[in-house]
Amino acid sequence: MDFEILKDQIEPPDQNNNVWIFHVRLADKQRSEAKIRIDASDLNAWVKQALGRDPHSDRGDKDKLGDLRANWEKIEPVLRKHLSAALAP
């Protein structure tokens, strides 16, 4: 399934959980959108796989979100691989 990860709509975890929310736009006729919930530990592992280091998080999740967006070209292919499994029927 083809889809676009909407990097400007990534939601960091709320105060009391460790779940990031990624919004994706599906390449179907309706161009529908879906939300995929990703555990923070999985996201950290995928960023480390893409960048060879842990994501920056000196100031918490906002810092990590900035790191994701700043290194999007390297991180996006790894995210796409893992998110496609979540979107598979």
C-alpha atoms as a PDB file:
ATOM      1  CA  MET A   1       0.000   0.000   0.000  1.00  0.00           C
ATOM      2  CA  ASP A   2       1.337   3.398  -0.938  1.00  0.00           C
ATOM      3  CA  PHE A   3       1.063   6.246   1.540  1.00  0.00           C
ATOM      4  CA  GLU A   4       2.596   9.551   2.600  1.00  0.00           C
ATOM      5  CA  ILE A   5       3.742  10.180   6.167  1.00  0.00           C
ATOM      6  CA  LEU A   6       2.620  13.686   7.147  1.00  0.00           C
ATOM      7  CA  LYS A   7       5.707  14.846   9.031  1.00  0.00           C
ATOM      8  CA  ASP A   8       4.156  18.175  10.048  1.00  0.00           C
ATOM      9  CA  GLN A   9       1.349  16.343  11.850  1.00  0.00           C
ATOM     10  CA  ILE A  10       3.436  14.013  14.030  1.00  0.00           C
ATOM     11  CA  GLU A  11       2.083  14.109  17.579  1.00  0.00           C
ATOM     12  CA  PRO A  12       4.482  13.511  20.484  1.00  0.00           C
ATOM     13  CA  PRO A  13       3.190  11.555  23.479  1.00  0.00           C
ATOM     14  CA  ASP A  14       0.839  13.085  25.977  1.00  0.00           C
ATOM     15  CA  GLN A  15       2.214  13.627  29.443  1.00  0.00           C
ATOM     16  CA  ASN A  16       1.267  10.216  30.819  1.00  0.00           C
ATOM     17  CA  ASN A  17       2.033   7.859  27.935  1.00  0.00           C
ATOM     18  CA  ASN A  18       4.799   6.829  25.558  1.00  0.00           C
ATOM     19  CA  VAL A  19       2.850   6.660  22.301  1.00  0.00           C
ATOM     20  CA  TRP A  20       3.651   8.824  19.289  1.00  0.00           C
ATOM     21  CA  ILE A  21       0.936   9.338  16.681  1.00  0.00           C
ATOM     22  CA  PHE A  22       1.862   9.439  12.999  1.00  0.00           C
ATOM     23  CA  HIS A  23      -0.692  10.673  10.487  1.00  0.00           C
ATOM     24  CA  VAL A  24      -0.501   9.100   7.045  1.00  0.00           C
ATOM     25  CA  ARG A  25      -2.341   9.891   3.828  1.00  0.00           C
ATOM     26  CA  LEU A  26      -3.248   6.791   1.887  1.00  0.00           C
ATOM     27  CA  ALA A  27      -2.891   6.710  -1.871  1.00  0.00           C
ATOM     28  CA  ASP A  28      -6.416   5.453  -2.375  1.00  0.00           C
ATOM     29  CA  LYS A  29      -9.082   7.177  -4.449  1.00  0.00           C
ATOM     30  CA  GLN A  30     -10.416   9.100  -1.451  1.00  0.00           C
ATOM     31  CA  ARG A  31      -6.919  10.134  -0.263  1.00  0.00           C
ATOM     32  CA  SER A  32      -8.068   9.106   3.192  1.00  0.00           C
ATOM     33  CA  GLU A  33      -5.935   9.569   6.276  1.00  0.00           C
ATOM     34  CA  ALA A  34      -5.063   7.193   9.086  1.00  0.00           C
ATOM     35  CA  LYS A  35      -3.409   7.546  12.473  1.00  0.00           C
ATOM     36  CA  ILE A  36      -0.763   5.046  13.485  1.00  0.00           C
ATOM     37  CA  ARG A  37       0.255   4.748  17.127  1.00  0.00           C
ATOM     38  CA  ILE A  38       3.955   3.987  17.677  1.00  0.00           C
ATOM     39  CA  ASP A  39       5.518   3.149  21.028  1.00  0.00           C
ATOM     40  CA  ALA A  40       8.376   5.521  21.941  1.00  0.00           C
ATOM     41  CA  SER A  41      10.851   2.661  22.405  1.00  0.00           C
ATOM     42  CA  ASP A  42      10.122   1.381  18.873  1.00  0.00           C
ATOM     43  CA  LEU A  43      10.521   4.886  17.466  1.00  0.00           C
ATOM     44  CA  ASN A  44      13.841   5.319  19.273  1.00  0.00           C
ATOM     45  CA  ALA A  45      15.106   2.032  17.820  1.00  0.00           C
ATOM     46  CA  TRP A  46      14.057   3.030  14.294  1.00  0.00           C
ATOM     47  CA  VAL A  47      15.736   6.441  14.590  1.00  0.00           C
ATOM     48  CA  LYS A  48      18.897   4.746  15.836  1.00  0.00           C
ATOM     49  CA  GLN A  49      18.713   2.389  12.849  1.00  0.00           C
ATOM     50  CA  ALA A  50      18.397   5.361  10.461  1.00  0.00           C
ATOM     51  CA  LEU A  51      20.904   7.738  12.045  1.00  0.00           C
ATOM     52  CA  GLY A  52      23.278   5.432  13.894  1.00  0.00           C
ATOM     53  CA  ARG A  53      22.509   7.255  17.152  1.00  0.00           C
ATOM     54  CA  ASP A  54      19.688   7.811  19.597  1.00  0.00           C
ATOM     55  CA  PRO A  55      17.344  10.709  18.844  1.00  0.00           C
ATOM     56  CA  HIS A  56      18.127  13.998  20.558  1.00  0.00           C
ATOM     57  CA  SER A  57      15.945  14.438  23.605  1.00  0.00           C
ATOM     58  CA  ASP A  58      17.779  16.821  25.908  1.00  0.00           C
ATOM     59  CA  ARG A  59      14.590  18.858  26.298  1.00  0.00           C
ATOM     60  CA  GLY A  60      12.180  15.940  26.017  1.00  0.00           C
ATOM     61  CA  ASP A  61       9.786  15.006  23.250  1.00  0.00           C
ATOM     62  CA  LYS A  62       9.775  18.429  21.571  1.00  0.00           C
ATOM     63  CA  ASP A  63      13.528  18.061  21.047  1.00  0.00           C
ATOM     64  CA  LYS A  64      13.023  14.550  19.651  1.00  0.00           C
ATOM     65  CA  LEU A  65      10.316  15.847  17.296  1.00  0.00           C
ATOM     66  CA  GLY A  66      12.715  18.522  16.023  1.00  0.00           C
ATOM     67  CA  ASP A  67      15.369  15.865  15.450  1.00  0.00           C
ATOM     68  CA  LEU A  68      12.890  13.739  13.481  1.00  0.00           C
ATOM     69  CA  ARG A  69      11.973  16.647  11.234  1.00  0.00           C
ATOM     70  CA  ALA A  70      15.585  17.839  10.801  1.00  0.00           C
ATOM     71  CA  ASN A  71      16.715  14.373   9.677  1.00  0.00           C
ATOM     72  CA  TRP A  72      13.549  13.413   7.825  1.00  0.00           C
ATOM     73  CA  GLU A  73      15.321  12.346   4.612  1.00  0.00           C
ATOM     74  CA  LYS A  74      17.217   9.640   6.515  1.00  0.00           C
ATOM     75  CA  ILE A  75      14.473   8.645   8.943  1.00  0.00           C
ATOM     76  CA  GLU A  76      11.482   8.532   6.568  1.00  0.00           C
ATOM     77  CA  PRO A  77      12.531   5.368   4.647  1.00  0.00           C
ATOM     78  CA  VAL A  78      12.961   3.422   7.896  1.00  0.00           C
ATOM     79  CA  LEU A  79       9.621   4.693   9.235  1.00  0.00           C
ATOM     80  CA  ARG A  80       7.932   3.836   5.932  1.00  0.00           C
ATOM     81  CA  LYS A  81       9.179   0.247   6.161  1.00  0.00           C
ATOM     82  CA  HIS A  82       7.810  -0.212   9.678  1.00  0.00           C
ATOM     83  CA  LEU A  83       4.590   1.742   9.186  1.00  0.00           C
ATOM     84  CA  SER A  84       3.713  -0.259   6.055  1.00  0.00           C
ATOM     85  CA  ALA A  85       3.434  -3.326   8.281  1.00  0.00           C
ATOM     86  CA  ALA A  86       0.918  -1.459  10.449  1.00  0.00           C
ATOM     87  CA  LEU A  87      -1.132  -0.533   7.361  1.00  0.00           C
ATOM     88  CA  ALA A  88      -1.101  -3.998   5.796  1.00  0.00           C
ATOM     89  CA  PRO A  89      -4.554  -5.607   5.615  1.00  0.00           C
END
